[in-house]
């Protein structure tokens, strides 16, 4: 009897879609193996609290039980949205692959089809992210930004029911679910600097499982892995958590890598952006450089005091 290679994922439609895409890549590379998708309900799926998307509590709620299954040997690999993983990886687990990244942009989905600049002065815009809240308030200080909870489908239903005039979500999720037609506007990454790892997937394996690491390597994309390595190095250097809106986007251009990073206050009145460039073969060095530049700027004071001060 052939033992299947089990891939764990959250049970949401988006998470399953993402995991299935990875599974199909592995199946094409390893046709003699049997692969199974194992949906695992997480604390975040079973009950939603008020934790913001950037918070460590939020991230653990959506990754913890899947990681538990991996540590305990109930699955051989796990697929996550990379932005849901804390910058400090869990002991005993390793990042086995980063598949090709989807677009990293935030997306505006407006009920009446407007662009962000066209929304009414008192439009109600929903988001679950401190970072998006700050950047929306900077770009459109007159609109009302309110929290919206739930997965992508739930947020779209709330929009369509008239609870919001628009919502801002990751474009990658909409595109992966075949809902790109709902996107009113792809928000420019130089203004709406994305969340760290946004648009990227992470395939985790046990650190001591060389067989599984070899299997999932078929899904790895070197440029995507290098970019997210720079972004997570920035997060580790700054100790980013749930209290300050922040984002980063690294992009490989041949032998070079360019990285944009931002830190803001929650009210959007102070948004500090930096841009750095360096060799693509030293992503962590570039992330640390961006962190130093942010700390040397007004962002250092924001990080020390917290977003609400």
C-alpha atoms as a PDB file:
ATOM      1  CA  UNK A   1       0.000   0.000   0.000  1.00  0.00           C
ATOM      2  CA  UNK A   2       1.344   3.416  -0.973  1.00  0.00           C
ATOM      3  CA  UNK A   3       1.547   5.893   1.906  1.00  0.00           C
ATOM      4  CA  UNK A   4       0.262   9.281   0.720  1.00  0.00           C
ATOM      5  CA  UNK A   5       2.243  12.487   1.055  1.00  0.00           C
ATOM      6  CA  UNK A   6      -0.157  14.558   3.148  1.00  0.00           C
ATOM      7  CA  UNK A   7      -0.371  18.334   2.735  1.00  0.00           C
ATOM      8  CA  UNK A   8      -2.126  20.288   5.467  1.00  0.00           C
ATOM      9  CA  UNK A   9      -4.099  23.477   4.972  1.00  0.00           C
ATOM     10  CA  UNK A  10      -6.804  25.578   6.544  1.00  0.00           C
ATOM     11  CA  UNK A  11     -10.280  24.593   5.295  1.00  0.00           C
ATOM     12  CA  UNK A  12     -11.281  27.960   3.805  1.00  0.00           C
ATOM     13  CA  UNK A  13     -11.933  28.104   0.070  1.00  0.00           C
ATOM     14  CA  UNK A  14      -8.904  30.314  -0.527  1.00  0.00           C
ATOM     15  CA  UNK A  15      -6.573  28.185   1.591  1.00  0.00           C
ATOM     16  CA  UNK A  16      -7.678  24.961  -0.107  1.00  0.00           C
ATOM     17  CA  UNK A  17      -7.301  26.564  -3.533  1.00  0.00           C
ATOM     18  CA  UNK A  18      -3.771  27.643  -2.679  1.00  0.00           C
ATOM     19  CA  UNK A  19      -2.799  24.255  -1.301  1.00  0.00           C
ATOM     20  CA  UNK A  20      -4.298  22.445  -4.272  1.00  0.00           C
ATOM     21  CA  UNK A  21      -2.204  24.576  -6.641  1.00  0.00           C
ATOM     22  CA  UNK A  22       0.945  23.506  -4.785  1.00  0.00           C
ATOM     23  CA  UNK A  23      -0.216  19.885  -4.780  1.00  0.00           C
ATOM     24  CA  UNK A  24      -0.646  19.917  -8.566  1.00  0.00           C
ATOM     25  CA  UNK A  25       2.893  21.220  -9.065  1.00  0.00           C
ATOM     26  CA  UNK A  26       4.263  18.449  -6.860  1.00  0.00           C
ATOM     27  CA  UNK A  27       2.119  15.812  -8.540  1.00  0.00           C
ATOM     28  CA  UNK A  28       3.485  16.832 -11.954  1.00  0.00           C
ATOM     29  CA  UNK A  29       7.051  16.543 -10.666  1.00  0.00           C
ATOM     30  CA  UNK A  30       6.516  13.331  -8.692  1.00  0.00           C
ATOM     31  CA  UNK A  31       3.825  11.329 -10.581  1.00  0.00           C
ATOM     32  CA  UNK A  32       4.686   8.104  -8.758  1.00  0.00           C
ATOM     33  CA  UNK A  33       3.689   9.596  -5.373  1.00  0.00           C
ATOM     34  CA  UNK A  34       0.181   9.788  -3.982  1.00  0.00           C
ATOM     35  CA  UNK A  35      -0.742  13.196  -2.540  1.00  0.00           C
ATOM     36  CA  UNK A  36      -3.582  13.954  -0.125  1.00  0.00           C
ATOM     37  CA  UNK A  37      -4.914  17.333   0.931  1.00  0.00           C
ATOM     38  CA  UNK A  38      -5.742  17.457   4.661  1.00  0.00           C
ATOM     39  CA  UNK A  39      -7.977  20.387   5.750  1.00  0.00           C
ATOM     40  CA  UNK A  40      -7.342  21.341   9.382  1.00  0.00           C
ATOM     41  CA  UNK A  41      -9.722  23.679  11.210  1.00  0.00           C
ATOM     42  CA  UNK A  42      -7.795  26.333  13.130  1.00  0.00           C
ATOM     43  CA  UNK A  43      -8.760  28.501  16.064  1.00  0.00           C
ATOM     44  CA  UNK A  44      -9.170  31.402  13.649  1.00  0.00           C
ATOM     45  CA  UNK A  45     -11.573  29.405  11.480  1.00  0.00           C
ATOM     46  CA  UNK A  46     -13.631  28.251  14.451  1.00  0.00           C
ATOM     47  CA  UNK A  47     -13.930  31.601  16.187  1.00  0.00           C
ATOM     48  CA  UNK A  48     -12.943  35.082  15.108  1.00  0.00           C
ATOM     49  CA  UNK A  49     -11.938  37.645  17.649  1.00  0.00           C
ATOM     50  CA  UNK A  50     -10.916  41.268  17.371  1.00  0.00           C
ATOM     51  CA  UNK A  51      -7.231  40.606  16.649  1.00  0.00           C
ATOM     52  CA  UNK A  52      -5.923  42.529  13.684  1.00  0.00           C
ATOM     53  CA  UNK A  53      -4.376  40.726  10.733  1.00  0.00           C
ATOM     54  CA  UNK A  54      -0.845  41.826  11.604  1.00  0.00           C
ATOM     55  CA  UNK A  55      -0.983  40.621  15.222  1.00  0.00           C
ATOM     56  CA  UNK A  56       0.899  37.571  16.428  1.00  0.00           C
ATOM     57  CA  UNK A  57      -2.325  36.263  18.012  1.00  0.00           C
ATOM     58  CA  UNK A  58      -4.090  36.516  14.657  1.00  0.00           C
ATOM     59  CA  UNK A  59      -1.282  34.716  12.864  1.00  0.00           C
ATOM     60  CA  UNK A  60      -1.028  31.908  15.404  1.00  0.00           C
ATOM     61  CA  UNK A  61      -4.805  31.470  15.302  1.00  0.00           C
ATOM     62  CA  UNK A  62      -4.609  30.633  11.604  1.00  0.00           C
ATOM     63  CA  UNK A  63      -1.352  28.671  11.557  1.00  0.00           C
ATOM     64  CA  UNK A  64      -0.961  27.040  14.969  1.00  0.00           C
ATOM     65  CA  UNK A  65      -3.061  23.899  14.546  1.00  0.00           C
ATOM     66  CA  UNK A  66      -1.714  23.240  11.044  1.00  0.00           C
ATOM     67  CA  UNK A  67       1.819  23.541  12.407  1.00  0.00           C
ATOM     68  CA  UNK A  68       0.866  21.245  15.302  1.00  0.00           C
ATOM     69  CA  UNK A  69      -0.188  18.587  12.810  1.00  0.00           C
ATOM     70  CA  UNK A  70       3.127  18.950  11.002  1.00  0.00           C
ATOM     71  CA  UNK A  71       5.198  18.734  14.186  1.00  0.00           C
ATOM     72  CA  UNK A  72       3.231  15.664  15.307  1.00  0.00           C
ATOM     73  CA  UNK A  73       3.717  13.869  11.983  1.00  0.00           C
ATOM     74  CA  UNK A  74       0.060  13.863  10.934  1.00  0.00           C
ATOM     75  CA  UNK A  75       1.020  15.629   7.712  1.00  0.00           C
ATOM     76  CA  UNK A  76       4.276  15.843   5.740  1.00  0.00           C
ATOM     77  CA  UNK A  77       3.959  19.467   4.611  1.00  0.00           C
ATOM     78  CA  UNK A  78       1.782  22.519   5.232  1.00  0.00           C
ATOM     79  CA  UNK A  79       0.763  25.344   2.908  1.00  0.00           C
ATOM     80  CA  UNK A  80       0.158  28.802   4.366  1.00  0.00           C
ATOM     81  CA  UNK A  81      -0.238  32.340   3.124  1.00  0.00           C
ATOM     82  CA  UNK A  82       3.266  33.506   3.946  1.00  0.00           C
ATOM     83  CA  UNK A  83       2.047  36.750   5.498  1.00  0.00           C
ATOM     84  CA  UNK A  84       0.221  34.654   8.129  1.00  0.00           C
ATOM     85  CA  UNK A  85       3.492  33.199   9.440  1.00  0.00           C
ATOM     86  CA  UNK A  86       5.344  35.052  12.225  1.00  0.00           C
ATOM     87  CA  UNK A  87       8.770  36.334  11.170  1.00  0.00           C
ATOM     88  CA  UNK A  88      10.366  34.071  13.764  1.00  0.00           C
ATOM     89  CA  UNK A  89       9.713  30.555  12.512  1.00  0.00           C
ATOM     90  CA  UNK A  90       8.521  27.801  14.812  1.00  0.00           C
ATOM     91  CA  UNK A  91      11.351  25.607  16.188  1.00  0.00           C
ATOM     92  CA  UNK A  92      11.551  22.253  14.441  1.00  0.00           C
ATOM     93  CA  UNK A  93       9.929  23.502  11.247  1.00  0.00           C
ATOM     94  CA  UNK A  94      11.545  24.831   8.079  1.00  0.00           C
ATOM     95  CA  UNK A  95      10.467  26.765   5.010  1.00  0.00           C
ATOM     96  CA  UNK A  96      10.674  24.108   2.320  1.00  0.00           C
ATOM     97  CA  UNK A  97       9.436  26.159  -0.627  1.00  0.00           C
ATOM     98  CA  UNK A  98       8.128  29.551  -1.672  1.00  0.00           C
ATOM     99  CA  UNK A  99       6.134  29.099  -4.909  1.00  0.00           C
ATOM    100  CA  UNK A 100       6.011  31.874  -7.529  1.00  0.00           C
ATOM    101  CA  UNK A 101       4.462  34.933  -5.923  1.00  0.00           C
ATOM    102  CA  UNK A 102       1.113  36.311  -7.022  1.00  0.00           C
ATOM    103  CA  UNK A 103       0.697  40.074  -7.357  1.00  0.00           C
ATOM    104  CA  UNK A 104       1.488  41.640  -3.954  1.00  0.00           C
ATOM    105  CA  UNK A 105      -0.861  44.617  -4.307  1.00  0.00           C
ATOM    106  CA  UNK A 106      -3.785  45.571  -2.139  1.00  0.00           C
ATOM    107  CA  UNK A 107      -7.033  45.667  -4.107  1.00  0.00           C
ATOM    108  CA  UNK A 108      -9.964  48.042  -3.755  1.00  0.00           C
ATOM    109  CA  UNK A 109     -13.346  46.415  -4.313  1.00  0.00           C
ATOM    110  CA  UNK A 110     -16.045  49.106  -4.489  1.00  0.00           C
ATOM    111  CA  UNK A 111     -19.752  48.334  -4.576  1.00  0.00           C
ATOM    112  CA  UNK A 112     -20.402  50.971  -7.257  1.00  0.00           C
ATOM    113  CA  UNK A 113     -17.175  50.361  -9.168  1.00  0.00           C
ATOM    114  CA  UNK A 114     -15.351  53.529  -8.115  1.00  0.00           C
ATOM    115  CA  UNK A 115     -11.607  53.954  -7.822  1.00  0.00           C
ATOM    116  CA  UNK A 116     -10.232  55.065  -4.453  1.00  0.00           C
ATOM    117  CA  UNK A 117     -10.030  58.703  -5.591  1.00  0.00           C
ATOM    118  CA  UNK A 118     -13.677  58.565  -6.694  1.00  0.00           C
ATOM    119  CA  UNK A 119     -15.222  57.363  -3.429  1.00  0.00           C
ATOM    120  CA  UNK A 120     -17.555  59.816  -1.739  1.00  0.00           C
ATOM    121  CA  UNK A 121     -16.173  62.022   1.009  1.00  0.00           C
ATOM    122  CA  UNK A 122     -17.832  59.977   3.777  1.00  0.00           C
ATOM    123  CA  UNK A 123     -17.667  56.553   2.150  1.00  0.00           C
ATOM    124  CA  UNK A 124     -17.401  53.575   4.503  1.00  0.00           C
ATOM    125  CA  UNK A 125     -14.381  51.394   3.688  1.00  0.00           C
ATOM    126  CA  UNK A 126     -13.772  48.058   5.417  1.00  0.00           C
ATOM    127  CA  UNK A 127     -10.439  46.418   6.157  1.00  0.00           C
ATOM    128  CA  UNK A 128      -9.036  44.077   8.790  1.00  0.00           C
ATOM    129  CA  UNK A 129      -5.541  45.560   8.659  1.00  0.00           C
ATOM    130  CA  UNK A 130      -3.891  48.337  10.652  1.00  0.00           C
ATOM    131  CA  UNK A 131      -1.519  48.938   7.737  1.00  0.00           C
ATOM    132  CA  UNK A 132      -4.343  49.376   5.218  1.00  0.00           C
ATOM    133  CA  UNK A 133      -6.235  51.541   7.709  1.00  0.00           C
ATOM    134  CA  UNK A 134      -3.291  53.921   8.064  1.00  0.00           C
ATOM    135  CA  UNK A 135      -2.646  54.098   4.315  1.00  0.00           C
ATOM    136  CA  UNK A 136      -6.337  54.659   3.535  1.00  0.00           C
ATOM    137  CA  UNK A 137      -6.454  57.491   6.055  1.00  0.00           C
ATOM    138  CA  UNK A 138      -3.350  59.015   4.494  1.00  0.00           C
ATOM    139  CA  UNK A 139      -4.689  58.738   0.930  1.00  0.00           C
ATOM    140  CA  UNK A 140      -8.330  59.642   1.689  1.00  0.00           C
ATOM    141  CA  UNK A 141      -8.567  61.311   5.118  1.00  0.00           C
ATOM    142  CA  UNK A 142     -12.281  62.016   4.673  1.00  0.00           C
ATOM    143  CA  UNK A 143     -13.486  58.431   4.305  1.00  0.00           C
ATOM    144  CA  UNK A 144     -14.533  56.325   7.289  1.00  0.00           C
ATOM    145  CA  UNK A 145     -12.380  53.221   7.709  1.00  0.00           C
ATOM    146  CA  UNK A 146     -13.964  50.444   9.768  1.00  0.00           C
ATOM    147  CA  UNK A 147     -12.884  46.882  10.672  1.00  0.00           C
ATOM    148  CA  UNK A 148     -14.322  44.024   8.635  1.00  0.00           C
ATOM    149  CA  UNK A 149     -13.867  40.398   9.678  1.00  0.00           C
ATOM    150  CA  UNK A 150     -14.226  37.089   7.913  1.00  0.00           C
ATOM    151  CA  UNK A 151     -12.655  35.335   4.958  1.00  0.00           C
ATOM    152  CA  UNK A 152     -12.715  36.762   1.430  1.00  0.00           C
ATOM    153  CA  UNK A 153     -16.170  35.367   0.641  1.00  0.00           C
ATOM    154  CA  UNK A 154     -17.607  36.771   3.875  1.00  0.00           C
ATOM    155  CA  UNK A 155     -16.136  40.208   3.254  1.00  0.00           C
ATOM    156  CA  UNK A 156     -17.534  40.308  -0.273  1.00  0.00           C
ATOM    157  CA  UNK A 157     -20.981  39.321   1.018  1.00  0.00           C
ATOM    158  CA  UNK A 158     -20.866  42.153   3.562  1.00  0.00           C
ATOM    159  CA  UNK A 159     -19.900  44.571   0.802  1.00  0.00           C
ATOM    160  CA  UNK A 160     -22.669  43.359  -1.508  1.00  0.00           C
ATOM    161  CA  UNK A 161     -25.190  43.576   1.350  1.00  0.00           C
ATOM    162  CA  UNK A 162     -24.456  47.288   1.659  1.00  0.00           C
ATOM    163  CA  UNK A 163     -22.536  47.197   4.943  1.00  0.00           C
ATOM    164  CA  UNK A 164     -19.622  48.981   3.239  1.00  0.00           C
ATOM    165  CA  UNK A 165     -19.112  51.153   0.180  1.00  0.00           C
ATOM    166  CA  UNK A 166     -15.797  49.441  -0.480  1.00  0.00           C
ATOM    167  CA  UNK A 167     -13.356  46.989   1.051  1.00  0.00           C
ATOM    168  CA  UNK A 168      -9.601  46.623   0.665  1.00  0.00           C
ATOM    169  CA  UNK A 169      -8.167  43.099   0.530  1.00  0.00           C
ATOM    170  CA  UNK A 170      -5.149  41.345  -0.951  1.00  0.00           C
ATOM    171  CA  UNK A 171      -5.424  41.116  -4.731  1.00  0.00           C
ATOM    172  CA  UNK A 172      -3.677  37.728  -4.656  1.00  0.00           C
ATOM    173  CA  UNK A 173      -6.565  36.018  -2.863  1.00  0.00           C
ATOM    174  CA  UNK A 174      -9.139  37.347  -5.302  1.00  0.00           C
ATOM    175  CA  UNK A 175      -7.047  36.278  -8.280  1.00  0.00           C
ATOM    176  CA  UNK A 176      -6.401  32.792  -6.914  1.00  0.00           C
ATOM    177  CA  UNK A 177     -10.130  32.320  -6.374  1.00  0.00           C
ATOM    178  CA  UNK A 178     -10.983  33.480  -9.886  1.00  0.00           C
ATOM    179  CA  UNK A 179     -12.562  36.685  -8.572  1.00  0.00           C
ATOM    180  CA  UNK A 180     -10.247  39.169 -10.286  1.00  0.00           C
ATOM    181  CA  UNK A 181     -13.270  40.741 -11.998  1.00  0.00           C
ATOM    182  CA  UNK A 182     -14.311  42.094  -8.581  1.00  0.00           C
ATOM    183  CA  UNK A 183     -11.171  44.240  -8.365  1.00  0.00           C
ATOM    184  CA  UNK A 184     -12.020  47.900  -8.924  1.00  0.00           C
ATOM    185  CA  UNK A 185      -8.449  49.117  -8.573  1.00  0.00           C
ATOM    186  CA  UNK A 186      -5.058  47.576  -7.928  1.00  0.00           C
ATOM    187  CA  UNK A 187      -3.548  49.993  -5.416  1.00  0.00           C
ATOM    188  CA  UNK A 188      -0.009  51.041  -6.320  1.00  0.00           C
ATOM    189  CA  UNK A 189       2.645  49.396  -4.155  1.00  0.00           C
ATOM    190  CA  UNK A 190       4.719  52.569  -3.866  1.00  0.00           C
ATOM    191  CA  UNK A 191       1.826  54.175  -1.977  1.00  0.00           C
ATOM    192  CA  UNK A 192       0.118  51.106  -0.496  1.00  0.00           C
ATOM    193  CA  UNK A 193       3.271  49.217   0.478  1.00  0.00           C
ATOM    194  CA  UNK A 194       2.049  45.622   0.953  1.00  0.00           C
ATOM    195  CA  UNK A 195       2.146  43.513   4.075  1.00  0.00           C
ATOM    196  CA  UNK A 196       5.312  41.497   4.511  1.00  0.00           C
ATOM    197  CA  UNK A 197       4.991  38.353   2.414  1.00  0.00           C
ATOM    198  CA  UNK A 198       1.694  39.415   0.810  1.00  0.00           C
ATOM    199  CA  UNK A 199       0.927  37.416  -2.316  1.00  0.00           C
ATOM    200  CA  UNK A 200       3.425  34.677  -1.438  1.00  0.00           C
ATOM    201  CA  UNK A 201       2.809  31.146  -0.194  1.00  0.00           C
ATOM    202  CA  UNK A 202       4.918  29.184   2.266  1.00  0.00           C
ATOM    203  CA  UNK A 203       5.338  25.420   2.184  1.00  0.00           C
ATOM    204  CA  UNK A 204       6.519  24.207   5.583  1.00  0.00           C
ATOM    205  CA  UNK A 205       8.168  20.895   6.381  1.00  0.00           C
ATOM    206  CA  UNK A 206       9.792  19.423   9.472  1.00  0.00           C
ATOM    207  CA  UNK A 207      13.379  20.606   9.719  1.00  0.00           C
ATOM    208  CA  UNK A 208      14.688  17.052  10.130  1.00  0.00           C
ATOM    209  CA  UNK A 209      12.633  15.585   7.256  1.00  0.00           C
ATOM    210  CA  UNK A 210      15.001  15.645   4.285  1.00  0.00           C
ATOM    211  CA  UNK A 211      12.651  13.502   2.167  1.00  0.00           C
ATOM    212  CA  UNK A 212       9.769  15.982   2.420  1.00  0.00           C
ATOM    213  CA  UNK A 213      12.116  18.901   1.871  1.00  0.00           C
ATOM    214  CA  UNK A 214      13.312  17.292  -1.371  1.00  0.00           C
ATOM    215  CA  UNK A 215       9.724  16.682  -2.492  1.00  0.00           C
ATOM    216  CA  UNK A 216       8.420  20.213  -1.923  1.00  0.00           C
ATOM    217  CA  UNK A 217      11.502  21.866  -3.426  1.00  0.00           C
ATOM    218  CA  UNK A 218       9.860  21.320  -6.828  1.00  0.00           C
ATOM    219  CA  UNK A 219       7.429  24.135  -5.964  1.00  0.00           C
ATOM    220  CA  UNK A 220      10.151  26.622  -5.004  1.00  0.00           C
ATOM    221  CA  UNK A 221      10.795  29.862  -6.902  1.00  0.00           C
ATOM    222  CA  UNK A 222      14.204  31.382  -6.181  1.00  0.00           C
ATOM    223  CA  UNK A 223      13.236  35.003  -6.805  1.00  0.00           C
ATOM    224  CA  UNK A 224      10.117  34.777  -4.617  1.00  0.00           C
ATOM    225  CA  UNK A 225      12.047  33.069  -1.823  1.00  0.00           C
ATOM    226  CA  UNK A 226      14.757  35.730  -1.954  1.00  0.00           C
ATOM    227  CA  UNK A 227      12.237  38.576  -1.868  1.00  0.00           C
ATOM    228  CA  UNK A 228      10.352  37.272   1.161  1.00  0.00           C
ATOM    229  CA  UNK A 229      13.659  36.528   2.919  1.00  0.00           C
ATOM    230  CA  UNK A 230      14.463  40.239   2.695  1.00  0.00           C
ATOM    231  CA  UNK A 231      11.026  41.225   3.956  1.00  0.00           C
ATOM    232  CA  UNK A 232      11.056  38.838   6.910  1.00  0.00           C
ATOM    233  CA  UNK A 233      14.587  39.962   7.807  1.00  0.00           C
ATOM    234  CA  UNK A 234      13.210  43.497   8.081  1.00  0.00           C
ATOM    235  CA  UNK A 235      10.380  42.275  10.311  1.00  0.00           C
ATOM    236  CA  UNK A 236      12.788  40.416  12.598  1.00  0.00           C
ATOM    237  CA  UNK A 237      15.174  43.380  12.797  1.00  0.00           C
ATOM    238  CA  UNK A 238      12.401  45.773  13.798  1.00  0.00           C
ATOM    239  CA  UNK A 239      10.540  43.308  15.999  1.00  0.00           C
ATOM    240  CA  UNK A 240       7.350  44.125  14.112  1.00  0.00           C
ATOM    241  CA  UNK A 241       4.165  42.981  15.790  1.00  0.00           C
ATOM    242  CA  UNK A 242       0.568  44.052  16.099  1.00  0.00           C
ATOM    243  CA  UNK A 243       1.026  47.591  17.420  1.00  0.00           C
ATOM    244  CA  UNK A 244       2.428  49.472  14.411  1.00  0.00           C
ATOM    245  CA  UNK A 245       1.251  49.538  10.787  1.00  0.00           C
ATOM    246  CA  UNK A 246       4.184  48.451   8.642  1.00  0.00           C
ATOM    247  CA  UNK A 247       4.870  46.823   5.304  1.00  0.00           C
ATOM    248  CA  UNK A 248       7.609  45.908   2.875  1.00  0.00           C
ATOM    249  CA  UNK A 249       8.019  44.711  -0.673  1.00  0.00           C
ATOM    250  CA  UNK A 250      11.237  43.353  -2.158  1.00  0.00           C
ATOM    251  CA  UNK A 251      11.575  42.703  -5.884  1.00  0.00           C
ATOM    252  CA  UNK A 252      14.423  41.007  -7.740  1.00  0.00           C
ATOM    253  CA  UNK A 253      15.702  42.760 -10.840  1.00  0.00           C
ATOM    254  CA  UNK A 254      18.425  40.624 -12.388  1.00  0.00           C
ATOM    255  CA  UNK A 255      21.372  40.556  -9.997  1.00  0.00           C
ATOM    256  CA  UNK A 256      19.912  43.360  -7.878  1.00  0.00           C
ATOM    257  CA  UNK A 257      17.053  43.623  -5.436  1.00  0.00           C
ATOM    258  CA  UNK A 258      15.028  46.719  -4.622  1.00  0.00           C
ATOM    259  CA  UNK A 259      13.039  46.972  -1.427  1.00  0.00           C
ATOM    260  CA  UNK A 260      10.420  49.479  -0.299  1.00  0.00           C
ATOM    261  CA  UNK A 261       9.389  49.594   3.351  1.00  0.00           C
ATOM    262  CA  UNK A 262       7.053  51.726   5.439  1.00  0.00           C
ATOM    263  CA  UNK A 263       6.020  52.397   9.013  1.00  0.00           C
ATOM    264  CA  UNK A 264       3.039  54.566   9.964  1.00  0.00           C
ATOM    265  CA  UNK A 265       0.891  55.757  12.786  1.00  0.00           C
ATOM    266  CA  UNK A 266      -2.592  54.236  12.833  1.00  0.00           C
ATOM    267  CA  UNK A 267      -4.231  57.575  12.010  1.00  0.00           C
ATOM    268  CA  UNK A 268      -2.192  57.849   8.815  1.00  0.00           C
ATOM    269  CA  UNK A 269      -0.887  61.293   9.743  1.00  0.00           C
ATOM    270  CA  UNK A 270       2.701  60.069   9.730  1.00  0.00           C
ATOM    271  CA  UNK A 271       3.782  57.573   7.106  1.00  0.00           C
ATOM    272  CA  UNK A 272       7.508  56.982   6.677  1.00  0.00           C
ATOM    273  CA  UNK A 273       8.730  55.207   3.534  1.00  0.00           C
ATOM    274  CA  UNK A 274      12.243  54.165   2.599  1.00  0.00           C
ATOM    275  CA  UNK A 275      13.669  52.486  -0.493  1.00  0.00           C
ATOM    276  CA  UNK A 276      16.921  50.541  -0.607  1.00  0.00           C
ATOM    277  CA  UNK A 277      18.753  48.497  -3.205  1.00  0.00           C
ATOM    278  CA  UNK A 278      21.426  45.817  -2.982  1.00  0.00           C
ATOM    279  CA  UNK A 279      22.625  42.515  -4.402  1.00  0.00           C
ATOM    280  CA  UNK A 280      19.926  39.897  -4.865  1.00  0.00           C
ATOM    281  CA  UNK A 281      22.141  37.241  -3.303  1.00  0.00           C
ATOM    282  CA  UNK A 282      22.077  38.976   0.101  1.00  0.00           C
ATOM    283  CA  UNK A 283      18.358  39.425   0.848  1.00  0.00           C
ATOM    284  CA  UNK A 284      18.722  39.388   4.617  1.00  0.00           C
ATOM    285  CA  UNK A 285      21.382  42.083   4.431  1.00  0.00           C
ATOM    286  CA  UNK A 286      19.007  44.236   2.405  1.00  0.00           C
ATOM    287  CA  UNK A 287      16.232  43.707   4.930  1.00  0.00           C
ATOM    288  CA  UNK A 288      18.517  44.756   7.765  1.00  0.00           C
ATOM    289  CA  UNK A 289      19.618  47.834   5.776  1.00  0.00           C
ATOM    290  CA  UNK A 290      16.003  48.905   5.298  1.00  0.00           C
ATOM    291  CA  UNK A 291      15.385  48.374   9.017  1.00  0.00           C
ATOM    292  CA  UNK A 292      18.373  50.580   9.912  1.00  0.00           C
ATOM    293  CA  UNK A 293      17.164  53.342   7.608  1.00  0.00           C
ATOM    294  CA  UNK A 294      13.695  53.225   9.120  1.00  0.00           C
ATOM    295  CA  UNK A 295      15.076  53.338  12.661  1.00  0.00           C
ATOM    296  CA  UNK A 296      17.273  56.308  11.735  1.00  0.00           C
ATOM    297  CA  UNK A 297      14.232  58.191  10.441  1.00  0.00           C
ATOM    298  CA  UNK A 298      11.002  59.333  12.067  1.00  0.00           C
ATOM    299  CA  UNK A 299       9.890  55.709  11.926  1.00  0.00           C
ATOM    300  CA  UNK A 300      12.213  54.967  14.829  1.00  0.00           C
ATOM    301  CA  UNK A 301      10.132  57.181  17.112  1.00  0.00           C
ATOM    302  CA  UNK A 302       6.894  55.625  15.853  1.00  0.00           C
ATOM    303  CA  UNK A 303       8.204  52.128  16.552  1.00  0.00           C
ATOM    304  CA  UNK A 304       9.395  53.087  20.034  1.00  0.00           C
ATOM    305  CA  UNK A 305       6.134  54.753  21.040  1.00  0.00           C
ATOM    306  CA  UNK A 306       3.683  52.482  19.195  1.00  0.00           C
ATOM    307  CA  UNK A 307       1.087  53.328  16.599  1.00  0.00           C
ATOM    308  CA  UNK A 308      -1.392  54.950  18.953  1.00  0.00           C
ATOM    309  CA  UNK A 309       0.947  57.577  20.423  1.00  0.00           C
END
